[in-house]
N, C-alpha and C. Protein backbone atom coordinates (compact mmCIF):
# COMPACT_ATOMS: atom_id res chain seq x y z
N MET A 1 116.59 88.27 110.55
CA MET A 1 115.54 88.49 111.51
C MET A 1 114.30 88.94 110.77
N GLY A 2 113.15 88.59 111.34
CA GLY A 2 111.92 88.86 110.61
C GLY A 2 111.84 87.85 109.48
N TRP A 3 112.03 86.61 109.82
CA TRP A 3 112.11 85.49 108.88
C TRP A 3 111.03 85.54 107.82
N GLY A 4 109.83 85.96 108.20
CA GLY A 4 108.74 85.94 107.24
C GLY A 4 108.55 84.52 106.75
N ARG A 5 108.31 84.35 105.49
CA ARG A 5 108.15 83.01 104.92
C ARG A 5 109.48 82.37 104.54
N GLY A 6 110.58 83.11 104.68
CA GLY A 6 111.89 82.53 104.44
C GLY A 6 112.24 82.35 102.98
N PHE A 7 111.58 83.08 102.09
CA PHE A 7 111.80 82.92 100.66
C PHE A 7 113.24 83.22 100.25
N ILE A 8 113.96 84.00 101.04
CA ILE A 8 115.34 84.36 100.70
C ILE A 8 116.24 83.14 100.59
N VAL A 9 115.92 82.08 101.31
CA VAL A 9 116.77 80.89 101.34
C VAL A 9 116.99 80.33 99.94
N LYS A 10 115.99 80.32 99.10
CA LYS A 10 116.16 79.73 97.77
C LYS A 10 117.03 80.59 96.86
N HIS A 11 117.37 81.80 97.28
CA HIS A 11 118.21 82.69 96.47
C HIS A 11 119.66 82.75 96.97
N LEU A 12 119.96 82.03 98.03
CA LEU A 12 121.31 82.04 98.60
C LEU A 12 122.13 80.89 98.05
N PRO A 13 123.46 81.05 98.00
CA PRO A 13 124.31 79.94 97.56
C PRO A 13 124.08 78.71 98.43
N ALA A 14 124.24 77.54 97.84
CA ALA A 14 123.96 76.28 98.53
C ALA A 14 124.79 76.09 99.79
N ASN A 15 126.00 76.64 99.82
CA ASN A 15 126.87 76.43 100.99
C ASN A 15 126.66 77.48 102.08
N THR A 16 125.59 78.29 101.98
CA THR A 16 125.30 79.30 102.98
C THR A 16 124.65 78.67 104.21
N SER A 17 125.17 79.01 105.36
CA SER A 17 124.55 78.58 106.61
C SER A 17 123.61 79.70 107.03
N TYR A 18 122.32 79.42 107.05
CA TYR A 18 121.31 80.44 107.29
C TYR A 18 120.47 80.04 108.49
N CYS A 19 120.26 80.97 109.39
CA CYS A 19 119.31 80.70 110.46
C CYS A 19 118.37 81.89 110.57
N GLY A 20 117.10 81.61 110.72
CA GLY A 20 116.08 82.64 110.75
C GLY A 20 115.50 82.81 112.14
N PHE A 21 115.07 84.03 112.44
CA PHE A 21 114.44 84.36 113.71
C PHE A 21 113.13 85.07 113.43
N ASP A 22 112.06 84.62 114.06
CA ASP A 22 110.77 85.29 113.94
C ASP A 22 109.97 84.98 115.19
N THR A 23 109.04 85.85 115.51
CA THR A 23 108.21 85.62 116.69
C THR A 23 106.87 84.98 116.32
N ASP A 24 106.65 84.71 115.05
CA ASP A 24 105.40 84.09 114.60
C ASP A 24 105.70 82.70 114.04
N TRP A 25 105.33 81.66 114.76
CA TRP A 25 105.62 80.29 114.36
C TRP A 25 105.01 79.90 113.02
N ARG A 26 103.96 80.60 112.60
CA ARG A 26 103.31 80.28 111.32
C ARG A 26 104.20 80.59 110.13
N ASN A 27 105.30 81.29 110.36
CA ASN A 27 106.18 81.67 109.26
C ASN A 27 107.20 80.61 108.88
N ILE A 28 107.18 79.49 109.53
CA ILE A 28 108.13 78.43 109.18
C ILE A 28 107.65 77.75 107.91
N SER A 29 108.41 77.89 106.81
CA SER A 29 107.99 77.22 105.59
C SER A 29 109.16 76.68 104.77
N TYR A 30 110.39 77.07 105.09
CA TYR A 30 111.56 76.59 104.37
C TYR A 30 112.45 75.81 105.31
N LYS A 31 113.18 74.87 104.74
CA LYS A 31 114.12 74.08 105.55
C LYS A 31 115.38 74.90 105.79
N ALA A 32 115.59 75.27 107.01
CA ALA A 32 116.78 75.99 107.45
C ALA A 32 116.75 75.98 108.97
N ARG A 33 117.81 76.42 109.57
CA ARG A 33 117.76 76.57 111.03
C ARG A 33 116.83 77.74 111.31
N PHE A 34 115.84 77.48 112.14
CA PHE A 34 114.84 78.50 112.44
C PHE A 34 114.63 78.57 113.93
N TYR A 35 114.52 79.78 114.46
CA TYR A 35 114.31 79.97 115.88
C TYR A 35 113.08 80.83 116.09
N TRP A 36 112.15 80.30 116.83
CA TRP A 36 110.90 81.00 117.14
C TRP A 36 111.12 81.75 118.43
N ARG A 37 111.69 82.93 118.31
CA ARG A 37 112.05 83.70 119.49
C ARG A 37 112.44 85.12 119.10
N ILE A 38 112.54 85.96 120.09
CA ILE A 38 113.01 87.33 119.90
C ILE A 38 114.53 87.29 119.79
N PHE A 39 115.07 88.12 118.93
CA PHE A 39 116.52 88.24 118.78
C PHE A 39 117.00 89.26 119.81
N ASP A 40 117.64 88.78 120.87
CA ASP A 40 118.10 89.67 121.93
C ASP A 40 119.55 89.36 122.27
N GLU A 41 120.05 89.89 123.39
CA GLU A 41 121.46 89.73 123.76
C GLU A 41 121.89 88.27 123.85
N SER A 42 120.98 87.38 124.19
CA SER A 42 121.35 85.96 124.28
C SER A 42 121.58 85.34 122.90
N ALA A 43 121.29 86.07 121.84
CA ALA A 43 121.49 85.55 120.48
C ALA A 43 122.97 85.44 120.12
N ALA A 44 123.86 85.97 120.95
CA ALA A 44 125.29 85.88 120.67
C ALA A 44 125.73 84.43 120.47
N GLU A 45 125.01 83.49 121.07
CA GLU A 45 125.35 82.08 120.91
C GLU A 45 125.22 81.60 119.46
N TYR A 46 124.52 82.35 118.61
CA TYR A 46 124.31 81.95 117.22
C TYR A 46 125.37 82.54 116.29
N GLY A 47 126.26 83.34 116.82
CA GLY A 47 127.30 83.97 116.02
C GLY A 47 128.57 83.15 116.02
N PRO A 48 129.60 83.66 115.39
CA PRO A 48 129.59 84.95 114.70
C PRO A 48 128.94 84.83 113.33
N ALA A 49 128.38 85.94 112.88
CA ALA A 49 127.70 85.99 111.58
C ALA A 49 128.41 86.98 110.67
N ASP A 50 128.44 86.66 109.40
CA ASP A 50 129.01 87.58 108.41
C ASP A 50 127.99 88.64 108.01
N VAL A 51 126.72 88.26 107.99
CA VAL A 51 125.65 89.16 107.55
C VAL A 51 124.42 88.94 108.43
N VAL A 52 123.78 90.04 108.81
CA VAL A 52 122.47 89.98 109.46
C VAL A 52 121.53 90.79 108.59
N MET A 53 120.40 90.18 108.23
CA MET A 53 119.39 90.86 107.43
C MET A 53 118.15 91.08 108.28
N MET A 54 117.62 92.28 108.21
CA MET A 54 116.36 92.61 108.89
C MET A 54 115.41 93.13 107.81
N ASN A 55 114.60 92.26 107.28
CA ASN A 55 113.68 92.66 106.22
C ASN A 55 112.31 92.95 106.80
N GLY A 56 111.96 94.23 106.82
CA GLY A 56 110.65 94.63 107.33
C GLY A 56 110.52 94.46 108.83
N VAL A 57 111.58 94.74 109.58
CA VAL A 57 111.55 94.56 111.03
C VAL A 57 111.54 95.88 111.77
N LEU A 58 112.43 96.80 111.41
CA LEU A 58 112.62 98.02 112.21
C LEU A 58 111.34 98.83 112.39
N HIS A 59 110.47 98.82 111.39
CA HIS A 59 109.25 99.63 111.53
C HIS A 59 108.24 99.00 112.50
N HIS A 60 108.56 97.80 112.99
CA HIS A 60 107.73 97.16 114.02
C HIS A 60 108.26 97.42 115.42
N LEU A 61 109.45 98.01 115.52
CA LEU A 61 110.11 98.19 116.80
C LEU A 61 110.15 99.66 117.22
N SER A 62 109.85 99.92 118.49
CA SER A 62 110.00 101.27 119.03
C SER A 62 111.50 101.61 119.01
N ASP A 63 111.84 102.86 119.25
CA ASP A 63 113.25 103.23 119.28
C ASP A 63 114.01 102.42 120.33
N ASP A 64 113.44 102.23 121.51
CA ASP A 64 114.10 101.45 122.56
C ASP A 64 114.28 99.99 122.16
N GLN A 65 113.24 99.40 121.56
CA GLN A 65 113.33 98.01 121.11
C GLN A 65 114.36 97.87 119.99
N ALA A 66 114.35 98.82 119.07
CA ALA A 66 115.31 98.79 117.96
C ALA A 66 116.74 98.92 118.50
N ASP A 67 116.92 99.82 119.45
CA ASP A 67 118.23 100.02 120.07
C ASP A 67 118.73 98.73 120.70
N SER A 68 117.87 98.06 121.44
CA SER A 68 118.22 96.80 122.09
C SER A 68 118.57 95.73 121.05
N THR A 69 117.78 95.65 120.00
CA THR A 69 118.02 94.66 118.94
C THR A 69 119.33 94.95 118.22
N LEU A 70 119.60 96.21 117.93
CA LEU A 70 120.85 96.57 117.26
C LEU A 70 122.06 96.27 118.15
N ARG A 71 121.92 96.44 119.45
CA ARG A 71 123.00 96.06 120.37
C ARG A 71 123.24 94.55 120.31
N ALA A 72 122.16 93.78 120.24
CA ALA A 72 122.30 92.32 120.14
C ALA A 72 122.99 91.93 118.83
N ILE A 73 122.67 92.63 117.75
CA ILE A 73 123.30 92.35 116.46
C ILE A 73 124.80 92.63 116.54
N GLU A 74 125.16 93.69 117.26
CA GLU A 74 126.59 94.01 117.43
C GLU A 74 127.35 92.83 118.04
N THR A 75 126.72 92.10 118.95
CA THR A 75 127.40 90.99 119.61
C THR A 75 127.51 89.77 118.71
N VAL A 76 126.68 89.69 117.70
CA VAL A 76 126.65 88.52 116.81
C VAL A 76 127.52 88.72 115.57
N LEU A 77 127.60 89.93 115.06
CA LEU A 77 128.33 90.17 113.82
C LEU A 77 129.84 90.04 114.01
N ARG A 78 130.44 89.38 113.05
CA ARG A 78 131.89 89.28 112.98
C ARG A 78 132.45 90.67 112.68
N THR A 79 133.66 90.98 113.11
CA THR A 79 134.28 92.26 112.77
C THR A 79 134.26 92.45 111.26
N GLY A 80 133.74 93.57 110.82
CA GLY A 80 133.61 93.84 109.39
C GLY A 80 132.36 93.22 108.78
N GLY A 81 131.56 92.51 109.59
CA GLY A 81 130.32 91.93 109.08
C GLY A 81 129.33 93.03 108.73
N GLN A 82 128.30 92.66 107.98
CA GLN A 82 127.34 93.65 107.51
C GLN A 82 125.94 93.43 108.05
N LEU A 83 125.29 94.53 108.34
CA LEU A 83 123.87 94.54 108.66
C LEU A 83 123.16 95.17 107.47
N SER A 84 122.07 94.55 107.06
CA SER A 84 121.24 95.08 105.98
C SER A 84 119.81 95.14 106.47
N THR A 85 119.19 96.31 106.36
CA THR A 85 117.79 96.46 106.76
C THR A 85 116.96 96.87 105.55
N LEU A 86 115.69 96.55 105.56
CA LEU A 86 114.77 96.95 104.50
C LEU A 86 113.44 97.26 105.16
N ASP A 87 112.98 98.50 105.00
CA ASP A 87 111.71 98.91 105.59
C ASP A 87 111.08 99.98 104.72
N GLY A 88 109.75 100.04 104.78
CA GLY A 88 109.06 101.17 104.18
C GLY A 88 109.43 102.41 104.99
N TYR A 89 109.45 103.54 104.34
CA TYR A 89 109.83 104.75 105.07
C TYR A 89 108.84 105.86 104.78
N ILE A 90 108.84 106.85 105.66
CA ILE A 90 107.92 107.97 105.55
C ILE A 90 108.51 109.01 104.62
N VAL A 91 107.76 109.36 103.60
CA VAL A 91 108.19 110.39 102.65
C VAL A 91 107.36 111.64 102.88
N GLU A 92 107.88 112.77 102.41
CA GLU A 92 107.22 114.04 102.66
C GLU A 92 105.84 114.14 102.02
N HIS A 93 105.72 113.73 100.77
CA HIS A 93 104.43 113.80 100.07
C HIS A 93 104.12 112.43 99.47
N PRO A 94 103.62 111.50 100.31
CA PRO A 94 103.40 110.14 99.82
C PRO A 94 102.23 110.06 98.84
N SER A 95 102.35 109.13 97.91
CA SER A 95 101.23 108.86 97.01
C SER A 95 100.13 108.19 97.83
N ALA A 96 98.96 108.09 97.25
CA ALA A 96 97.82 107.46 97.94
C ALA A 96 98.13 106.00 98.28
N SER A 97 98.81 105.29 97.37
CA SER A 97 99.12 103.88 97.63
C SER A 97 100.14 103.73 98.76
N ILE A 98 101.16 104.60 98.78
CA ILE A 98 102.14 104.53 99.86
C ILE A 98 101.49 104.86 101.19
N ARG A 99 100.68 105.90 101.22
CA ARG A 99 99.99 106.27 102.46
C ARG A 99 99.11 105.11 102.95
N PHE A 100 98.40 104.46 102.04
CA PHE A 100 97.54 103.34 102.40
C PHE A 100 98.37 102.21 103.01
N LEU A 101 99.50 101.86 102.35
CA LEU A 101 100.34 100.78 102.86
C LEU A 101 100.89 101.09 104.24
N LEU A 102 101.38 102.30 104.44
CA LEU A 102 101.92 102.67 105.75
C LEU A 102 100.83 102.72 106.82
N ASP A 103 99.65 103.22 106.46
CA ASP A 103 98.56 103.31 107.43
C ASP A 103 98.00 101.95 107.82
N HIS A 104 98.12 100.94 106.94
CA HIS A 104 97.53 99.63 107.20
C HIS A 104 98.56 98.56 107.55
N ASP A 105 99.80 98.94 107.68
CA ASP A 105 100.84 98.00 108.07
C ASP A 105 100.73 97.76 109.58
N ARG A 106 101.07 96.56 110.02
CA ARG A 106 101.05 96.26 111.45
C ARG A 106 102.14 97.01 112.20
N GLY A 107 103.21 97.38 111.50
CA GLY A 107 104.30 98.13 112.13
C GLY A 107 103.85 99.56 112.40
N ARG A 108 104.04 100.01 113.60
CA ARG A 108 103.58 101.35 113.99
C ARG A 108 104.73 102.31 114.26
N HIS A 109 105.94 101.95 113.80
CA HIS A 109 107.10 102.78 114.09
C HIS A 109 107.85 103.14 112.81
N GLY A 110 107.09 103.53 111.78
CA GLY A 110 107.71 103.99 110.54
C GLY A 110 108.55 105.22 110.81
N ARG A 111 109.60 105.38 110.05
CA ARG A 111 110.52 106.49 110.25
C ARG A 111 110.88 107.11 108.90
N THR A 112 111.44 108.30 108.96
CA THR A 112 111.98 108.92 107.76
C THR A 112 113.34 108.30 107.47
N ARG A 113 113.86 108.55 106.30
CA ARG A 113 115.20 108.06 105.95
C ARG A 113 116.20 108.50 107.01
N GLU A 114 116.15 109.76 107.38
CA GLU A 114 117.10 110.31 108.33
C GLU A 114 116.97 109.63 109.70
N GLN A 115 115.77 109.32 110.11
CA GLN A 115 115.56 108.66 111.40
C GLN A 115 116.10 107.23 111.39
N TYR A 116 115.88 106.49 110.28
CA TYR A 116 116.44 105.14 110.18
C TYR A 116 117.96 105.20 110.22
N GLU A 117 118.53 106.11 109.46
CA GLU A 117 119.99 106.22 109.41
C GLU A 117 120.57 106.57 110.78
N ALA A 118 119.95 107.51 111.49
CA ALA A 118 120.43 107.90 112.82
C ALA A 118 120.36 106.72 113.79
N LEU A 119 119.29 105.95 113.72
CA LEU A 119 119.12 104.79 114.59
C LEU A 119 120.25 103.79 114.37
N VAL A 120 120.52 103.46 113.11
CA VAL A 120 121.54 102.48 112.78
C VAL A 120 122.94 103.04 113.03
N ASN A 121 123.15 104.33 112.71
CA ASN A 121 124.47 104.95 112.90
C ASN A 121 124.91 104.98 114.35
N SER A 122 123.97 104.88 115.28
CA SER A 122 124.36 104.90 116.69
C SER A 122 125.04 103.59 117.09
N HIS A 123 125.03 102.58 116.21
CA HIS A 123 125.62 101.27 116.51
C HIS A 123 126.65 100.81 115.49
N PHE A 124 126.55 101.28 114.27
CA PHE A 124 127.38 100.75 113.19
C PHE A 124 128.03 101.87 112.39
N THR A 125 129.01 101.51 111.58
CA THR A 125 129.73 102.47 110.76
C THR A 125 129.53 102.17 109.27
N GLY A 126 130.00 103.10 108.45
CA GLY A 126 129.97 102.88 107.00
C GLY A 126 128.56 102.73 106.46
N THR A 127 127.62 103.46 107.03
CA THR A 127 126.23 103.32 106.64
C THR A 127 125.98 103.90 105.25
N GLU A 128 125.30 103.13 104.44
CA GLU A 128 124.85 103.58 103.13
C GLU A 128 123.36 103.28 103.04
N ALA A 129 122.59 104.25 102.58
CA ALA A 129 121.13 104.06 102.45
C ALA A 129 120.74 104.16 100.98
N TYR A 130 119.85 103.29 100.57
CA TYR A 130 119.38 103.24 99.19
C TYR A 130 117.86 103.30 99.19
N LEU A 131 117.32 104.19 98.38
CA LEU A 131 115.88 104.28 98.22
C LEU A 131 115.47 103.38 97.06
N LEU A 132 114.49 102.55 97.29
CA LEU A 132 113.98 101.66 96.25
C LEU A 132 112.51 101.96 96.04
N HIS A 133 112.12 102.06 94.80
CA HIS A 133 110.73 102.32 94.48
C HIS A 133 110.19 101.17 93.65
N ARG A 134 108.95 100.84 93.90
CA ARG A 134 108.28 99.75 93.18
C ARG A 134 109.01 98.42 93.32
N LEU A 135 109.43 98.14 94.54
CA LEU A 135 110.11 96.89 94.84
C LEU A 135 109.15 95.71 94.71
N THR A 136 107.87 95.97 94.92
CA THR A 136 106.85 94.92 94.80
C THR A 136 105.87 95.32 93.72
N TRP A 137 104.85 94.53 93.53
CA TRP A 137 103.87 94.79 92.46
C TRP A 137 103.06 96.05 92.69
N VAL A 138 103.01 96.52 93.92
CA VAL A 138 102.27 97.74 94.22
C VAL A 138 103.28 98.87 94.38
N HIS A 139 102.88 100.08 94.01
CA HIS A 139 103.79 101.21 94.14
C HIS A 139 104.10 101.45 95.61
N ASN A 140 105.35 101.31 95.97
CA ASN A 140 105.77 101.57 97.34
C ASN A 140 107.18 102.15 97.33
N SER A 141 107.62 102.59 98.46
CA SER A 141 108.98 103.09 98.61
C SER A 141 109.60 102.38 99.79
N SER A 142 110.81 101.86 99.59
CA SER A 142 111.51 101.15 100.65
C SER A 142 112.89 101.75 100.80
N LEU A 143 113.41 101.63 101.99
CA LEU A 143 114.75 102.10 102.30
C LEU A 143 115.58 100.91 102.71
N VAL A 144 116.72 100.73 102.04
CA VAL A 144 117.68 99.70 102.41
C VAL A 144 118.85 100.42 103.06
N VAL A 145 119.23 99.98 104.25
CA VAL A 145 120.38 100.53 104.94
C VAL A 145 121.39 99.39 105.10
N VAL A 146 122.61 99.62 104.65
CA VAL A 146 123.68 98.64 104.76
C VAL A 146 124.81 99.29 105.55
N CYS A 147 125.35 98.57 106.53
CA CYS A 147 126.42 99.12 107.35
C CYS A 147 127.31 97.99 107.84
N GLN A 148 128.43 98.36 108.47
CA GLN A 148 129.38 97.39 108.96
C GLN A 148 129.50 97.46 110.47
N SER A 149 129.88 96.31 111.04
CA SER A 149 130.11 96.30 112.48
C SER A 149 131.37 97.09 112.79
N ASN A 150 131.42 97.70 113.93
CA ASN A 150 132.61 98.39 114.39
C ASN A 150 133.63 97.35 114.83
N SER A 151 134.89 97.58 114.56
CA SER A 151 135.90 96.60 114.95
C SER A 151 135.96 96.43 116.46
N MET A 152 135.53 97.43 117.22
CA MET A 152 135.55 97.36 118.68
C MET A 152 134.47 96.42 119.21
N THR A 153 133.34 96.30 118.48
CA THR A 153 132.23 95.51 119.00
C THR A 153 132.06 94.18 118.29
N GLY A 154 132.46 94.09 117.04
CA GLY A 154 132.25 92.86 116.29
C GLY A 154 133.10 91.71 116.83
N ARG A 155 132.65 90.49 116.61
CA ARG A 155 133.36 89.31 117.06
C ARG A 155 134.38 88.90 116.01
N LYS A 156 135.41 88.24 116.43
CA LYS A 156 136.45 87.76 115.51
C LYS A 156 136.04 86.44 114.92
C-alpha cells in the first residue's frame, strides 16, 4: 500500500505476485497489478497475502483511518503473514533536517515510536520495531515495524 512509484518491484524475486494500491493514479510506473483505490475492508478479495508493505503510509492516516486500514489488512493477511510499515517518526530532539522533513511532509499524522507500535499492536502480534537513520541521501530517521497476523484473524 502506498505504491508510490513502485520501485520495490525490481527488487523482488521474479516469481513474486505483487499488487500495489495507491490513491494517486500518477504513481503508476511499473508493470504489476495495480489498483487505484483506497485499501479498505473490500480488499479481502485480493488476499490471501503473505506480506503487506506500507511504505510511508501511516503518517498520512489519522488514528481512525489507520485503525480501519489495519483491520482491512487483517482480513487479507494469511495466518502468520507479515505486515511491514516504514514511516518517519517524531523524535524528542530532532535535527534541523529531520524537523524540516516532518514539517514539510504531506502526512500530518506523524507519531512517536511508541505511538506507532501501540497502533499496530492493537491488531497484530510479534511486533518488532527498528530505527533506521540516513535511509535516504538526506539525514532522516525512519521507523520500520514488522509484525504477524493473529491466527484468529488471518486467512488460511
